Amino acid sequence: VHAAGNDAKDIDFAENFPNDSEDKVKEFADNVITIGALNFEYGDKVVARFSNIGKLNVDVFAPGVKIYATTPNIEYQYLQGTSMAAPNVAGVAALIRSYYPKLSAKQVKHILMDSGVAISTDVVVGGKPTDKRSFTTLSKSGKVVNAYNALLMAEKMSK
């Protein structure tokens, strides 16, 4: 599970490391999933202003702003970033693998992408109100991870 990055760039064109492709088109392996970050607001501001995007190189989005997280010295604080969104997806992947251990990493990746909730509205990209695009163009799936739907799909796939 890979965080897409926090540069408000389209990583189909901009450099982003590590990645799962040499040419930004063909993946080395089909078991790496790259995550964009969502804001806590819905509507046209649903994409975190800093989140990288990419129709080919970001797979799915997850919450990544105002995430209550542990910090050193037994403390907590609200954090943001695609590095906060990625653990949300990792948690859903772990949940799937714990109930359906025979599913491969590739299958789990596609469950996470295919079972998400689609957003078809135009959203602000890069925090620039003048740059609005259809959410469907910001990632390969055009979706937001959904644990419930993922478990339903994993159940069907495991049979």
Foldseek 3Di string as FASTA:
>chain_A
DAEQWFALEACCPDDDPPFQDPNSADGVDLLDAYEWEFEPDDDQRGGPLRTHFYQRGHQAYEHFFQDWDADPPRDTGGGGGSVRGVVVLVVLLVVLCVVQVVDDSNRLNVLQLAQFAAFQDWHDGNPDPVDTDGCNRGYNRNGHGDSVSSNVVSVVVSD
